[in-house]
Protein backbone atom coordinates (compact mmCIF):
# COMPACT_ATOMS: atom_id res chain seq x y z
CA SER A 1 9.19 -22.52 -205.94
CA ARG A 2 11.18 -23.42 -208.92
CA GLY A 3 12.02 -26.83 -208.08
CA LYS A 4 14.80 -28.16 -206.68
CA PHE A 5 15.91 -29.61 -210.14
CA MET A 6 15.75 -26.17 -211.84
CA ASN A 7 18.98 -24.69 -211.84
CA THR A 8 18.44 -21.05 -211.75
CA ASP A 9 22.75 -19.36 -211.98
CA GLU A 10 23.05 -18.03 -214.90
CA SER A 11 26.23 -19.05 -214.92
CA CYS A 12 25.86 -22.04 -215.51
CA LEU A 13 23.62 -21.84 -219.16
CA ALA A 14 26.91 -22.25 -220.39
CA ALA A 15 26.88 -26.09 -219.87
CA ASN A 16 22.76 -27.24 -220.23
CA VAL A 17 22.50 -27.89 -223.60
CA LEU A 18 18.77 -26.93 -223.52
CA SER A 19 19.54 -23.31 -223.27
CA LYS A 20 19.79 -21.04 -226.39
CA ASN A 21 23.22 -19.81 -225.00
CA CYS A 22 25.09 -23.76 -224.62
CA PRO A 23 28.16 -24.32 -226.86
CA SER A 24 27.31 -28.18 -226.42
CA ARG A 25 23.99 -27.05 -228.26
CA VAL A 26 25.43 -25.60 -231.38
CA LYS A 27 28.34 -28.68 -232.01
CA LEU A 28 25.01 -30.80 -231.20
CA MET A 29 22.94 -29.45 -234.22
CA HIS A 30 26.07 -30.02 -236.22
CA LEU A 31 25.88 -34.09 -235.67
CA THR A 32 22.61 -34.33 -235.96
CA ASN A 33 20.95 -32.34 -238.70
CA ARG A 34 20.29 -33.41 -241.99
CA TRP A 35 24.12 -33.80 -243.55
CA GLY A 36 26.13 -33.17 -240.60
CA VAL A 37 24.51 -37.45 -239.79
CA LEU A 38 25.45 -38.77 -243.14
CA VAL A 39 28.86 -37.14 -243.86
CA MET A 40 29.82 -38.49 -240.45
CA PHE A 41 28.14 -41.69 -240.97
CA CYS A 42 29.78 -41.52 -244.47
CA LEU A 43 33.46 -40.73 -242.54
CA ARG A 44 33.61 -44.01 -240.28
CA ARG A 45 34.10 -46.08 -243.16
CA GLY A 46 37.43 -43.79 -243.53
CA THR A 47 38.77 -40.90 -245.80
CA HIS A 48 37.18 -39.74 -248.52
CA ARG A 49 38.14 -36.89 -250.45
CA PHE A 50 35.16 -33.85 -251.45
CA SER A 51 33.88 -35.34 -254.30
CA GLU A 52 33.60 -38.78 -253.07
CA LEU A 53 31.41 -37.16 -250.45
CA ARG A 54 29.08 -35.73 -252.71
CA ARG A 55 29.21 -39.08 -254.71
CA ARG A 56 28.15 -40.97 -252.32
CA ILE A 57 25.45 -38.31 -249.87
CA ASP A 58 22.78 -37.98 -252.16
CA GLY A 59 20.73 -34.48 -253.12
CA ILE A 60 23.82 -32.52 -250.84
CA SER A 61 24.84 -29.46 -252.81
CA GLU A 62 28.33 -28.56 -253.17
CA LYS A 63 27.53 -25.23 -251.29
CA MET A 64 25.99 -27.73 -248.05
CA LEU A 65 28.52 -30.25 -248.37
CA THR A 66 31.11 -27.32 -247.64
CA GLN A 67 29.11 -25.39 -244.84
CA THR A 68 28.47 -29.14 -243.39
CA LEU A 69 32.77 -30.08 -243.30
CA ARG A 70 33.53 -26.68 -242.12
CA ASP A 71 30.90 -26.93 -238.86
CA LEU A 72 31.91 -30.82 -237.93
CA GLU A 73 35.97 -29.42 -238.83
CA ASN A 74 35.31 -26.84 -236.20
CA ASP A 75 33.65 -28.45 -233.33
CA GLY A 76 36.21 -31.29 -233.66
CA PHE A 77 34.90 -34.24 -235.33
CA VAL A 78 36.90 -33.83 -238.44
CA ILE A 79 39.99 -33.31 -239.77
CA ARG A 80 40.30 -31.44 -243.12
CA LYS A 81 43.86 -32.74 -245.29
CA GLU A 82 45.16 -30.64 -247.71
CA TYR A 83 48.02 -31.49 -250.28
CA PRO A 84 49.73 -28.89 -251.88
CA VAL A 85 49.04 -30.21 -255.87
CA ILE A 86 47.22 -29.09 -258.36
CA PRO A 87 45.22 -29.88 -258.96
CA PRO A 88 44.39 -29.11 -255.41
CA HIS A 89 43.64 -32.48 -253.32
CA VAL A 90 41.56 -32.33 -250.45
CA GLU A 91 41.04 -35.24 -247.73
CA TYR A 92 38.84 -35.63 -244.92
CA SER A 93 38.28 -38.41 -242.21
CA LEU A 94 37.21 -38.00 -238.83
CA SER A 95 39.52 -36.60 -235.84
CA GLU A 96 41.22 -39.77 -233.54
CA ASN A 97 38.92 -39.24 -230.79
CA LYS A 98 35.83 -37.26 -231.21
CA GLY A 99 35.04 -37.65 -234.68
CA VAL A 100 35.57 -41.65 -233.92
CA GLU A 101 33.66 -41.91 -231.08
CA VAL A 102 30.63 -39.54 -231.84
CA ALA A 103 30.36 -41.85 -235.39
CA GLU A 104 29.89 -45.13 -233.28
CA LYS A 105 27.02 -43.54 -232.40
CA ILE A 106 25.59 -42.34 -235.02
CA TYR A 107 25.92 -45.26 -236.75
CA ASP A 108 24.49 -46.93 -234.13
CA LEU A 109 21.12 -44.49 -234.38
CA VAL A 110 21.62 -45.72 -238.06
CA GLN A 111 21.06 -49.05 -237.79
CA TRP A 112 18.10 -48.68 -235.24
CA ILE A 113 16.46 -47.32 -237.12
CA GLU A 114 17.25 -48.99 -240.59
CA GLN A 115 15.60 -51.85 -238.24
CA ASN A 116 12.77 -50.34 -236.63
CA GLU A 117 11.68 -48.69 -239.80
CA ASN A 118 8.32 -50.53 -239.54
């Protein structure tokens, strides 16, 4: 017997973060990877330009910041606003519901970690 909590119906795998096929797992990975957490932490304080994020997040490469922002935007956590000017002006902010809510949870986690370092 597999136990009463084990679901063997494969159609349920899409809603199980422990399944490699779960779309939620990808979003979780984007949010909790090394750079996703830091980007969300920065954006919690408001809208930032790419260059501002790059300066604030020590050690992130341009390529990784671009990929992280793209992933978080595709997941619905970040909004990218492009202004039609020269030179290009692009701003990033948290989406109104999902982005703000998850950034608060990340902030709480960072606060807890910093307060319990020892």
